[in-house]
């Protein structure tokens, strides 16, 4: 995993609020701000790891920004950070977390770190699955003698073991909310895959 700090984009039409969040977060993260939905869409790219997104903004609302982020298939986590009380409409919204304002500095850090942990877990799980599929294919189609002599096959097994250790380490620090976030993501992807 890269040691570079995660990149956080704060999108809020109240500059004072966006700037306050940015000032609190810049000690640990690379932070940029956007003061409208359109500016947020202009600034978001593959380098952004987490978006803190206000819902109620003039012009392009946070809901619309969220929809466009997902349409672009950007691999970032989105937390709606808003004064809008949640209603049943949030059930179908593809965000990763929902935070009601006002938000403390500790809450911001906790939410962002949780999103990053679940993102890391999901990425490692995908990598492990891809390697396990290759491993199973070779086991089914190659004689044991060839497998035991293959340096590439041994490296594949070592990489699987290393990723398994990373997964175990990540999951050992999970609490119930982390599990819910991680497996909500995996469930959403499974549903999308089934619909294709």
N, C-alpha and C. Protein backbone atom coordinates (compact mmCIF):
# COMPACT_ATOMS: atom_id res chain seq x y z
N UNK A 1 0.84 -1.20 0.00
CA UNK A 1 0.00 0.00 0.00
C UNK A 1 0.87 1.24 0.00
N UNK A 2 0.48 2.26 -0.74
CA UNK A 2 1.24 3.49 -0.84
C UNK A 2 1.29 4.20 0.50
N UNK A 3 2.45 4.82 0.78
CA UNK A 3 2.58 5.56 2.03
C UNK A 3 2.18 7.02 1.86
N UNK A 4 1.83 7.42 0.64
CA UNK A 4 1.37 8.78 0.40
C UNK A 4 0.04 8.98 1.09
N UNK A 5 -0.17 10.17 1.68
CA UNK A 5 -1.46 10.40 2.35
C UNK A 5 -2.62 10.28 1.36
N UNK A 6 -3.77 9.87 1.88
CA UNK A 6 -4.96 9.79 1.05
C UNK A 6 -5.39 11.19 0.64
N UNK A 7 -6.09 11.27 -0.50
CA UNK A 7 -6.58 12.55 -1.01
C UNK A 7 -8.07 12.66 -0.72
N UNK A 8 -8.44 13.78 -0.09
CA UNK A 8 -9.83 14.03 0.28
C UNK A 8 -10.31 15.29 -0.44
N UNK A 9 -11.47 15.19 -1.07
CA UNK A 9 -12.11 16.34 -1.71
C UNK A 9 -13.33 16.72 -0.88
N UNK A 10 -13.37 17.98 -0.43
CA UNK A 10 -14.51 18.49 0.34
C UNK A 10 -15.36 19.34 -0.60
N UNK A 11 -16.62 18.96 -0.77
CA UNK A 11 -17.52 19.70 -1.65
C UNK A 11 -18.68 20.25 -0.81
N UNK A 12 -18.69 21.58 -0.64
CA UNK A 12 -19.73 22.23 0.15
C UNK A 12 -19.91 23.65 -0.36
N UNK A 13 -21.15 24.08 -0.56
CA UNK A 13 -21.39 25.42 -1.11
C UNK A 13 -21.16 26.52 -0.08
N UNK A 14 -20.90 26.17 1.16
CA UNK A 14 -20.54 27.16 2.18
C UNK A 14 -19.02 27.14 2.32
N UNK A 15 -18.32 28.12 1.74
CA UNK A 15 -16.86 28.12 1.78
C UNK A 15 -16.29 28.01 3.19
N UNK A 16 -16.93 28.67 4.17
CA UNK A 16 -16.42 28.61 5.54
C UNK A 16 -16.42 27.17 6.06
N UNK A 17 -17.47 26.42 5.73
CA UNK A 17 -17.57 25.03 6.18
C UNK A 17 -16.52 24.18 5.48
N UNK A 18 -16.44 24.29 4.16
CA UNK A 18 -15.46 23.51 3.40
C UNK A 18 -14.04 23.82 3.87
N UNK A 19 -13.74 25.11 4.05
CA UNK A 19 -12.40 25.50 4.48
C UNK A 19 -12.10 25.01 5.90
N UNK A 20 -13.10 25.01 6.76
CA UNK A 20 -12.91 24.52 8.13
C UNK A 20 -12.58 23.03 8.12
N UNK A 21 -13.33 22.25 7.32
CA UNK A 21 -13.03 20.82 7.22
C UNK A 21 -11.62 20.62 6.68
N UNK A 22 -11.28 21.36 5.63
CA UNK A 22 -9.96 21.22 5.01
C UNK A 22 -8.86 21.53 6.02
N UNK A 23 -9.03 22.60 6.79
CA UNK A 23 -8.02 22.98 7.78
C UNK A 23 -7.84 21.89 8.83
N UNK A 24 -8.93 21.24 9.21
CA UNK A 24 -8.85 20.17 10.21
C UNK A 24 -8.17 18.92 9.66
N UNK A 25 -8.33 18.68 8.37
CA UNK A 25 -7.86 17.42 7.78
C UNK A 25 -6.46 17.49 7.19
N UNK A 26 -5.98 18.70 6.87
CA UNK A 26 -4.74 18.80 6.10
C UNK A 26 -3.50 18.30 6.82
N UNK A 27 -3.58 18.08 8.13
CA UNK A 27 -2.42 17.52 8.84
C UNK A 27 -2.18 16.07 8.46
N UNK A 28 -3.23 15.35 8.05
CA UNK A 28 -3.11 13.92 7.75
C UNK A 28 -3.40 13.54 6.30
N UNK A 29 -4.04 14.43 5.57
CA UNK A 29 -4.48 14.10 4.22
C UNK A 29 -4.11 15.20 3.23
N UNK A 30 -4.10 14.84 1.95
CA UNK A 30 -4.03 15.84 0.88
C UNK A 30 -5.47 16.29 0.65
N UNK A 31 -5.75 17.57 0.85
CA UNK A 31 -7.13 18.04 0.84
C UNK A 31 -7.32 19.12 -0.22
N UNK A 32 -8.41 19.01 -0.97
CA UNK A 32 -8.82 20.11 -1.84
C UNK A 32 -10.29 20.40 -1.58
N UNK A 33 -10.71 21.60 -1.94
CA UNK A 33 -12.08 22.02 -1.68
C UNK A 33 -12.76 22.45 -2.97
N UNK A 34 -14.07 22.30 -2.98
CA UNK A 34 -14.90 22.78 -4.08
C UNK A 34 -16.13 23.41 -3.44
N UNK A 35 -16.54 24.58 -3.96
CA UNK A 35 -17.63 25.33 -3.36
C UNK A 35 -18.94 25.23 -4.13
N UNK A 36 -19.03 24.25 -5.03
CA UNK A 36 -20.28 23.98 -5.74
C UNK A 36 -20.22 22.55 -6.27
N UNK A 37 -21.37 22.04 -6.64
CA UNK A 37 -21.42 20.71 -7.22
C UNK A 37 -20.61 20.62 -8.50
N UNK A 38 -20.74 21.65 -9.36
CA UNK A 38 -20.01 21.64 -10.62
C UNK A 38 -18.50 21.69 -10.39
N UNK A 39 -18.06 22.53 -9.46
CA UNK A 39 -16.63 22.60 -9.15
C UNK A 39 -16.13 21.27 -8.60
N UNK A 40 -16.97 20.61 -7.81
CA UNK A 40 -16.61 19.29 -7.29
C UNK A 40 -16.42 18.29 -8.42
N UNK A 41 -17.34 18.31 -9.38
CA UNK A 41 -17.22 17.40 -10.53
C UNK A 41 -15.99 17.72 -11.37
N UNK A 42 -15.65 19.00 -11.47
CA UNK A 42 -14.47 19.40 -12.23
C UNK A 42 -13.18 18.94 -11.55
N UNK A 43 -13.20 18.90 -10.21
CA UNK A 43 -11.97 18.59 -9.47
C UNK A 43 -11.79 17.09 -9.21
N UNK A 44 -12.85 16.33 -9.26
CA UNK A 44 -12.71 14.91 -8.91
C UNK A 44 -12.08 14.13 -10.05
N UNK A 45 -11.12 13.29 -9.69
CA UNK A 45 -10.47 12.42 -10.67
C UNK A 45 -10.01 11.16 -9.95
N UNK A 46 -9.25 10.34 -10.63
CA UNK A 46 -8.84 9.05 -10.08
C UNK A 46 -7.94 9.18 -8.86
N UNK A 47 -7.35 10.35 -8.65
CA UNK A 47 -6.45 10.54 -7.50
C UNK A 47 -7.21 10.72 -6.18
N UNK A 48 -8.50 11.04 -6.26
CA UNK A 48 -9.29 11.29 -5.05
C UNK A 48 -9.70 9.97 -4.42
N UNK A 49 -9.42 9.84 -3.12
CA UNK A 49 -9.77 8.63 -2.38
C UNK A 49 -11.11 8.74 -1.67
N UNK A 50 -11.38 9.92 -1.10
CA UNK A 50 -12.61 10.13 -0.33
C UNK A 50 -13.19 11.50 -0.70
N UNK A 51 -14.52 11.53 -0.89
CA UNK A 51 -15.24 12.78 -1.12
C UNK A 51 -16.18 13.01 0.06
N UNK A 52 -16.07 14.20 0.66
CA UNK A 52 -17.03 14.63 1.68
C UNK A 52 -17.98 15.57 0.95
N UNK A 53 -19.23 15.16 0.80
CA UNK A 53 -20.15 15.81 -0.13
C UNK A 53 -21.40 16.32 0.57
N UNK A 54 -21.63 17.63 0.46
CA UNK A 54 -22.86 18.23 0.97
C UNK A 54 -24.00 17.84 0.03
N UNK A 55 -25.20 17.67 0.57
CA UNK A 55 -26.34 17.29 -0.27
C UNK A 55 -27.02 18.49 -0.89
N UNK A 56 -27.32 19.49 -0.06
CA UNK A 56 -28.14 20.61 -0.53
C UNK A 56 -27.24 21.74 -1.00
N UNK A 57 -27.12 21.85 -2.33
CA UNK A 57 -26.31 22.92 -2.92
C UNK A 57 -27.08 23.48 -4.11
N UNK A 58 -26.97 24.79 -4.36
CA UNK A 58 -27.63 25.35 -5.55
C UNK A 58 -26.98 24.83 -6.82
N UNK A 59 -27.72 24.86 -7.90
CA UNK A 59 -27.18 24.34 -9.16
C UNK A 59 -27.22 22.83 -9.14
N UNK A 60 -26.06 22.21 -9.13
CA UNK A 60 -25.98 20.75 -9.09
C UNK A 60 -25.94 20.30 -7.63
N UNK A 61 -26.95 19.55 -7.21
CA UNK A 61 -27.04 19.12 -5.82
C UNK A 61 -26.02 18.01 -5.53
N UNK A 62 -25.81 17.75 -4.25
CA UNK A 62 -24.92 16.66 -3.86
C UNK A 62 -25.41 15.32 -4.36
N UNK A 63 -26.73 15.13 -4.39
CA UNK A 63 -27.29 13.88 -4.91
C UNK A 63 -26.89 13.67 -6.36
N UNK A 64 -26.96 14.76 -7.15
CA UNK A 64 -26.58 14.67 -8.57
C UNK A 64 -25.08 14.44 -8.74
N UNK A 65 -24.28 15.10 -7.89
CA UNK A 65 -22.82 14.89 -7.93
C UNK A 65 -22.50 13.43 -7.64
N UNK A 66 -23.14 12.89 -6.63
CA UNK A 66 -22.94 11.48 -6.27
C UNK A 66 -23.26 10.57 -7.45
N UNK A 67 -24.38 10.83 -8.10
CA UNK A 67 -24.80 10.02 -9.25
C UNK A 67 -23.76 10.07 -10.37
N UNK A 68 -23.25 11.28 -10.64
CA UNK A 68 -22.25 11.44 -11.71
C UNK A 68 -20.91 10.79 -11.34
N UNK A 69 -20.55 10.84 -10.07
CA UNK A 69 -19.32 10.16 -9.63
C UNK A 69 -19.43 8.67 -9.91
N UNK A 70 -20.57 8.08 -9.58
CA UNK A 70 -20.76 6.65 -9.80
C UNK A 70 -20.84 6.31 -11.28
N UNK A 71 -21.46 7.21 -12.08
CA UNK A 71 -21.52 6.99 -13.53
C UNK A 71 -20.12 6.96 -14.15
N UNK A 72 -19.22 7.75 -13.58
CA UNK A 72 -17.84 7.80 -14.08
C UNK A 72 -17.00 6.61 -13.62
N UNK A 73 -17.56 5.78 -12.75
CA UNK A 73 -16.86 4.61 -12.20
C UNK A 73 -15.56 4.99 -11.50
N UNK A 74 -15.57 6.13 -10.82
CA UNK A 74 -14.40 6.53 -10.05
C UNK A 74 -14.32 5.68 -8.79
N UNK A 75 -13.13 5.23 -8.49
CA UNK A 75 -12.93 4.32 -7.35
C UNK A 75 -12.64 5.12 -6.09
N UNK A 76 -13.64 5.88 -5.65
CA UNK A 76 -13.47 6.67 -4.43
C UNK A 76 -14.65 6.39 -3.51
N UNK A 77 -14.45 6.71 -2.25
CA UNK A 77 -15.51 6.55 -1.27
C UNK A 77 -16.18 7.91 -1.10
N UNK A 78 -17.50 7.92 -0.95
CA UNK A 78 -18.24 9.17 -0.80
C UNK A 78 -19.03 9.14 0.50
N UNK A 79 -18.78 10.16 1.33
CA UNK A 79 -19.59 10.35 2.53
C UNK A 79 -20.42 11.61 2.34
N UNK A 80 -21.73 11.46 2.45
CA UNK A 80 -22.60 12.63 2.43
C UNK A 80 -22.48 13.28 3.80
N UNK A 81 -22.05 14.54 3.82
CA UNK A 81 -21.90 15.29 5.07
C UNK A 81 -22.86 16.46 4.95
N UNK A 82 -23.99 16.38 5.66
CA UNK A 82 -25.11 17.25 5.34
C UNK A 82 -25.99 17.56 6.54
N UNK A 83 -26.70 18.65 6.43
CA UNK A 83 -27.71 19.00 7.45
C UNK A 83 -29.07 18.42 7.07
N UNK A 84 -29.16 17.75 5.94
CA UNK A 84 -30.43 17.17 5.49
C UNK A 84 -30.68 15.88 6.27
N UNK A 85 -31.77 15.86 7.03
CA UNK A 85 -32.11 14.64 7.75
C UNK A 85 -32.40 13.52 6.76
N UNK A 86 -31.90 12.33 7.03
CA UNK A 86 -32.11 11.23 6.09
C UNK A 86 -33.57 10.82 6.02
N UNK A 87 -33.99 10.45 4.82
CA UNK A 87 -35.32 9.92 4.60
C UNK A 87 -35.15 8.61 3.82
N UNK A 88 -36.23 7.97 3.47
CA UNK A 88 -36.14 6.67 2.80
C UNK A 88 -35.49 6.75 1.42
N UNK A 89 -35.38 7.96 0.88
CA UNK A 89 -34.73 8.10 -0.43
C UNK A 89 -33.26 7.70 -0.40
N UNK A 90 -32.65 7.69 0.80
CA UNK A 90 -31.22 7.34 0.87
C UNK A 90 -30.97 5.86 0.59
N UNK A 91 -32.01 5.05 0.67
CA UNK A 91 -31.84 3.61 0.48
C UNK A 91 -31.20 3.29 -0.86
N UNK A 92 -31.61 4.01 -1.90
CA UNK A 92 -31.10 3.74 -3.25
C UNK A 92 -29.91 4.61 -3.63
N UNK A 93 -29.43 5.43 -2.71
CA UNK A 93 -28.31 6.32 -3.04
C UNK A 93 -26.98 5.58 -2.83
N UNK A 94 -26.08 5.65 -3.81
CA UNK A 94 -24.85 4.86 -3.74
C UNK A 94 -23.69 5.53 -2.98
N UNK A 95 -23.98 6.10 -1.80
CA UNK A 95 -22.90 6.66 -0.99
C UNK A 95 -22.36 5.58 -0.06
N UNK A 96 -21.24 5.89 0.60
CA UNK A 96 -20.61 4.93 1.50
C UNK A 96 -20.87 5.25 2.96
N UNK A 97 -21.22 6.49 3.26
CA UNK A 97 -21.53 6.87 4.63
C UNK A 97 -22.39 8.13 4.60
N UNK A 98 -23.14 8.35 5.68
CA UNK A 98 -24.03 9.51 5.77
C UNK A 98 -23.81 10.14 7.13
N UNK A 99 -23.39 11.40 7.13
CA UNK A 99 -23.03 12.08 8.37
C UNK A 99 -23.85 13.35 8.49
N UNK A 100 -24.50 13.53 9.64
CA UNK A 100 -25.33 14.71 9.87
C UNK A 100 -24.49 15.82 10.49
N UNK A 101 -24.57 17.02 9.89
CA UNK A 101 -23.89 18.19 10.45
C UNK A 101 -24.59 18.63 11.73
N UNK A 102 -23.89 19.26 12.65
CA UNK A 102 -22.47 19.58 12.64
C UNK A 102 -21.63 18.33 12.90
N UNK A 103 -20.40 18.35 12.39
CA UNK A 103 -19.50 17.20 12.50
C UNK A 103 -18.24 17.64 13.21
N UNK A 104 -17.84 16.89 14.22
CA UNK A 104 -16.62 17.21 14.95
C UNK A 104 -15.39 16.76 14.17
N UNK A 105 -14.26 17.30 14.52
CA UNK A 105 -12.99 16.91 13.89
C UNK A 105 -12.77 15.41 14.06
N UNK A 106 -13.01 14.90 15.27
CA UNK A 106 -12.82 13.47 15.52
C UNK A 106 -13.73 12.62 14.65
N UNK A 107 -14.98 13.06 14.47
CA UNK A 107 -15.91 12.31 13.62
C UNK A 107 -15.44 12.29 12.17
N UNK A 108 -14.94 13.43 11.68
CA UNK A 108 -14.43 13.49 10.31
C UNK A 108 -13.30 12.49 10.12
N UNK A 109 -12.33 12.51 11.03
CA UNK A 109 -11.20 11.59 10.92
C UNK A 109 -11.65 10.14 11.01
N UNK A 110 -12.56 9.88 11.93
CA UNK A 110 -13.03 8.49 12.11
C UNK A 110 -13.75 8.00 10.85
N UNK A 111 -14.59 8.84 10.26
CA UNK A 111 -15.32 8.44 9.05
C UNK A 111 -14.36 8.21 7.89
N UNK A 112 -13.43 9.14 7.70
CA UNK A 112 -12.49 9.00 6.58
C UNK A 112 -11.63 7.76 6.76
N UNK A 113 -11.12 7.55 7.95
CA UNK A 113 -10.26 6.37 8.19
C UNK A 113 -11.04 5.07 8.01
N UNK A 114 -12.30 5.05 8.41
CA UNK A 114 -13.12 3.86 8.20
C UNK A 114 -13.30 3.60 6.70
N UNK A 115 -13.57 4.64 5.94
CA UNK A 115 -13.74 4.47 4.50
C UNK A 115 -12.46 3.98 3.84
N UNK A 116 -11.32 4.49 4.29
CA UNK A 116 -10.04 4.05 3.74
C UNK A 116 -9.74 2.59 4.10
N UNK A 117 -10.06 2.20 5.34
CA UNK A 117 -9.84 0.80 5.76
C UNK A 117 -10.69 -0.15 4.93
N UNK A 118 -11.95 0.18 4.74
CA UNK A 118 -12.82 -0.72 3.98
C UNK A 118 -12.41 -0.75 2.50
N UNK A 119 -11.93 0.38 2.00
CA UNK A 119 -11.45 0.42 0.61
C UNK A 119 -10.23 -0.47 0.44
N UNK A 120 -9.30 -0.40 1.40
CA UNK A 120 -8.10 -1.24 1.34
C UNK A 120 -8.48 -2.73 1.41
N UNK A 121 -9.41 -3.05 2.29
CA UNK A 121 -9.84 -4.43 2.43
C UNK A 121 -10.46 -4.93 1.12
N UNK A 122 -11.33 -4.12 0.54
CA UNK A 122 -11.99 -4.52 -0.71
C UNK A 122 -10.97 -4.73 -1.83
N UNK A 123 -9.99 -3.82 -1.93
CA UNK A 123 -8.96 -3.93 -2.97
C UNK A 123 -8.14 -5.21 -2.79
N UNK A 124 -7.75 -5.49 -1.56
CA UNK A 124 -6.98 -6.72 -1.29
C UNK A 124 -7.81 -7.97 -1.55
N UNK A 125 -9.09 -7.92 -1.21
CA UNK A 125 -9.97 -9.06 -1.45
C UNK A 125 -10.10 -9.35 -2.95
N UNK A 126 -10.21 -8.30 -3.74
CA UNK A 126 -10.27 -8.47 -5.21
C UNK A 126 -8.98 -9.12 -5.72
N UNK A 127 -7.84 -8.61 -5.25
CA UNK A 127 -6.55 -9.14 -5.70
C UNK A 127 -6.42 -10.62 -5.29
N UNK A 128 -6.84 -10.93 -4.07
CA UNK A 128 -6.75 -12.31 -3.59
C UNK A 128 -7.64 -13.23 -4.45
N UNK A 129 -8.83 -12.77 -4.75
CA UNK A 129 -9.75 -13.58 -5.55
C UNK A 129 -9.17 -13.86 -6.93
N UNK A 130 -8.58 -12.84 -7.55
CA UNK A 130 -7.99 -13.02 -8.88
C UNK A 130 -6.84 -14.03 -8.83
N UNK A 131 -6.00 -13.94 -7.80
CA UNK A 131 -4.89 -14.89 -7.67
C UNK A 131 -5.40 -16.30 -7.36
N UNK A 132 -6.44 -16.38 -6.52
CA UNK A 132 -6.99 -17.69 -6.17
C UNK A 132 -7.59 -18.38 -7.40
N UNK A 133 -8.18 -17.60 -8.30
CA UNK A 133 -8.74 -18.18 -9.53
C UNK A 133 -7.62 -18.76 -10.40
N UNK A 134 -6.50 -18.04 -10.50
CA UNK A 134 -5.35 -18.54 -11.27
C UNK A 134 -4.78 -19.80 -10.62
N UNK A 135 -4.68 -19.77 -9.30
CA UNK A 135 -4.16 -20.91 -8.54
C UNK A 135 -5.02 -22.15 -8.78
N UNK A 136 -6.34 -21.97 -8.67
CA UNK A 136 -7.26 -23.10 -8.86
C UNK A 136 -7.20 -23.63 -10.28
N UNK A 137 -7.08 -22.74 -11.25
CA UNK A 137 -7.00 -23.16 -12.66
C UNK A 137 -5.75 -24.01 -12.90
N UNK A 138 -4.63 -23.55 -12.37
CA UNK A 138 -3.38 -24.30 -12.55
C UNK A 138 -3.44 -25.64 -11.81
N UNK A 139 -3.99 -25.65 -10.61
CA UNK A 139 -4.12 -26.91 -9.85
C UNK A 139 -4.95 -27.93 -10.61
N UNK A 140 -5.98 -27.46 -11.30
CA UNK A 140 -6.87 -28.36 -12.02
C UNK A 140 -6.29 -28.86 -13.34
N UNK A 141 -5.32 -28.13 -13.87
CA UNK A 141 -4.87 -28.44 -15.23
C UNK A 141 -3.40 -28.81 -15.38
N UNK A 142 -2.66 -28.78 -14.28
CA UNK A 142 -1.23 -29.12 -14.35
C UNK A 142 -0.92 -30.25 -13.39
N UNK A 143 -0.02 -31.16 -13.78
CA UNK A 143 0.37 -32.23 -12.85
C UNK A 143 1.16 -31.65 -11.67
N UNK A 144 1.08 -32.33 -10.54
CA UNK A 144 1.76 -31.89 -9.31
C UNK A 144 3.25 -31.68 -9.53
N UNK A 145 3.86 -32.53 -10.34
CA UNK A 145 5.31 -32.42 -10.59
C UNK A 145 5.66 -31.08 -11.23
N UNK A 146 4.84 -30.63 -12.18
CA UNK A 146 5.09 -29.34 -12.84
C UNK A 146 4.86 -28.18 -11.88
N UNK A 147 3.81 -28.31 -11.07
CA UNK A 147 3.50 -27.24 -10.11
C UNK A 147 4.63 -27.07 -9.10
N UNK A 148 5.14 -28.18 -8.59
CA UNK A 148 6.19 -28.11 -7.56
C UNK A 148 7.50 -27.56 -8.13
N UNK A 149 7.70 -27.72 -9.43
CA UNK A 149 8.94 -27.23 -10.04
C UNK A 149 8.83 -25.78 -10.55
N UNK A 150 7.64 -25.26 -10.61
CA UNK A 150 7.43 -23.94 -11.19
C UNK A 150 7.70 -22.83 -10.16
N UNK A 151 8.69 -22.00 -10.48
CA UNK A 151 8.99 -20.86 -9.61
C UNK A 151 7.84 -19.85 -9.63
N UNK A 152 7.21 -19.69 -10.81
CA UNK A 152 6.08 -18.76 -10.92
C UNK A 152 4.91 -19.20 -10.03
N UNK A 153 4.66 -20.51 -9.99
CA UNK A 153 3.57 -21.03 -9.16
C UNK A 153 3.87 -20.80 -7.68
N UNK A 154 5.13 -21.00 -7.29
CA UNK A 154 5.52 -20.77 -5.89
C UNK A 154 5.35 -19.28 -5.54
N UNK A 155 5.72 -18.40 -6.47
CA UNK A 155 5.55 -16.96 -6.23
C UNK A 155 4.07 -16.59 -6.11
N UNK A 156 3.25 -17.24 -6.91
CA UNK A 156 1.80 -17.02 -6.83
C UNK A 156 1.29 -17.39 -5.44
N UNK A 157 1.72 -18.55 -4.93
CA UNK A 157 1.28 -18.99 -3.60
C UNK A 157 1.78 -18.03 -2.52
N UNK A 158 3.01 -17.56 -2.66
CA UNK A 158 3.57 -16.61 -1.67
C UNK A 158 2.80 -15.30 -1.67
N UNK A 159 2.44 -14.83 -2.87
CA UNK A 159 1.66 -13.59 -2.98
C UNK A 159 0.28 -13.78 -2.36
N UNK A 160 -0.33 -14.93 -2.58
CA UNK A 160 -1.63 -15.21 -1.96
C UNK A 160 -1.51 -15.20 -0.43
N UNK A 161 -0.46 -15.82 0.09
CA UNK A 161 -0.24 -15.84 1.54
C UNK A 161 -0.05 -14.43 2.09
N UNK A 162 0.71 -13.60 1.37
CA UNK A 162 0.97 -12.24 1.82
C UNK A 162 -0.33 -11.43 1.85
N UNK A 163 -1.14 -11.56 0.80
CA UNK A 163 -2.41 -10.83 0.76
C UNK A 163 -3.36 -11.34 1.85
N UNK A 164 -3.35 -12.67 2.07
CA UNK A 164 -4.19 -13.22 3.14
C UNK A 164 -3.80 -12.64 4.49
N UNK A 165 -2.49 -12.49 4.72
CA UNK A 165 -2.02 -11.87 5.97
C UNK A 165 -2.50 -10.42 6.07
N UNK A 166 -2.43 -9.67 4.95
CA UNK A 166 -2.91 -8.29 4.94
C UNK A 166 -4.41 -8.23 5.24
N UNK A 167 -5.17 -9.14 4.63
CA UNK A 167 -6.61 -9.19 4.88
C UNK A 167 -6.90 -9.47 6.35
N UNK A 168 -6.18 -10.45 6.89
CA UNK A 168 -6.38 -10.81 8.31
C UNK A 168 -6.05 -9.63 9.23
N UNK A 169 -4.96 -8.93 8.90
CA UNK A 169 -4.55 -7.79 9.72
C UNK A 169 -5.59 -6.68 9.63
N UNK A 170 -6.07 -6.38 8.44
CA UNK A 170 -7.07 -5.33 8.27
C UNK A 170 -8.35 -5.68 9.01
N UNK A 171 -8.79 -6.91 8.84
CA UNK A 171 -10.08 -7.30 9.43
C UNK A 171 -10.00 -7.39 10.96
N UNK A 172 -8.81 -7.63 11.50
CA UNK A 172 -8.68 -7.71 12.96
C UNK A 172 -8.95 -6.36 13.61
N UNK A 173 -8.79 -5.26 12.84
CA UNK A 173 -9.07 -3.94 13.38
C UNK A 173 -10.47 -3.44 13.08
N UNK A 174 -11.28 -4.25 12.40
CA UNK A 174 -12.64 -3.84 12.04
C UNK A 174 -13.56 -3.87 13.26
N UNK A 175 -14.48 -2.91 13.30
CA UNK A 175 -15.60 -2.99 14.23
C UNK A 175 -16.86 -3.27 13.40
N UNK A 176 -18.01 -3.30 14.04
CA UNK A 176 -19.25 -3.65 13.33
C UNK A 176 -19.53 -2.71 12.16
N UNK A 177 -19.24 -1.40 12.34
CA UNK A 177 -19.49 -0.45 11.27
C UNK A 177 -18.57 -0.69 10.08
N UNK A 178 -17.31 -1.07 10.36
CA UNK A 178 -16.37 -1.38 9.27
C UNK A 178 -16.87 -2.57 8.47
N UNK A 179 -17.31 -3.62 9.17
CA UNK A 179 -17.84 -4.80 8.48
C UNK A 179 -19.02 -4.42 7.60
N UNK A 180 -19.92 -3.62 8.16
CA UNK A 180 -21.10 -3.22 7.40
C UNK A 180 -20.70 -2.46 6.14
N UNK A 181 -19.75 -1.54 6.27
CA UNK A 181 -19.31 -0.75 5.11
C UNK A 181 -18.61 -1.62 4.08
N UNK A 182 -17.73 -2.50 4.52
CA UNK A 182 -16.97 -3.34 3.59
C UNK A 182 -17.90 -4.27 2.83
N UNK A 183 -18.81 -4.90 3.54
CA UNK A 183 -19.64 -5.89 2.88
C UNK A 183 -20.82 -5.27 2.14
N UNK A 184 -21.18 -4.03 2.49
CA UNK A 184 -22.17 -3.30 1.67
C UNK A 184 -21.57 -3.06 0.29
N UNK A 185 -20.29 -2.65 0.26
CA UNK A 185 -19.61 -2.43 -1.02
C UNK A 185 -19.58 -3.71 -1.85
N UNK A 186 -19.19 -4.80 -1.23
CA UNK A 186 -19.09 -6.07 -1.94
C UNK A 186 -20.46 -6.52 -2.43
N UNK A 187 -21.48 -6.34 -1.59
CA UNK A 187 -22.85 -6.69 -1.97
C UNK A 187 -23.34 -5.85 -3.13
N UNK A 188 -23.03 -4.54 -3.12
CA UNK A 188 -23.42 -3.66 -4.22
C UNK A 188 -22.79 -4.10 -5.52
N UNK A 189 -21.51 -4.49 -5.46
CA UNK A 189 -20.82 -4.93 -6.68
C UNK A 189 -21.41 -6.24 -7.19
N UNK A 190 -21.73 -7.15 -6.29
CA UNK A 190 -22.32 -8.43 -6.69
C UNK A 190 -23.66 -8.20 -7.38
N UNK A 191 -24.45 -7.26 -6.84
CA UNK A 191 -25.75 -6.95 -7.44
C UNK A 191 -25.55 -6.36 -8.84
N UNK A 192 -24.59 -5.43 -8.98
CA UNK A 192 -24.32 -4.83 -10.29
C UNK A 192 -23.89 -5.88 -11.28
N UNK A 193 -23.03 -6.80 -10.85
CA UNK A 193 -22.52 -7.86 -11.72
C UNK A 193 -23.68 -8.76 -12.17
N UNK A 194 -24.57 -9.10 -11.24
CA UNK A 194 -25.69 -9.98 -11.57
C UNK A 194 -26.63 -9.34 -12.58
N UNK A 195 -26.73 -7.99 -12.54
CA UNK A 195 -27.65 -7.30 -13.42
C UNK A 195 -27.08 -7.12 -14.84
N UNK A 196 -25.75 -7.30 -14.99
CA UNK A 196 -25.12 -7.09 -16.30
C UNK A 196 -25.43 -8.21 -17.27
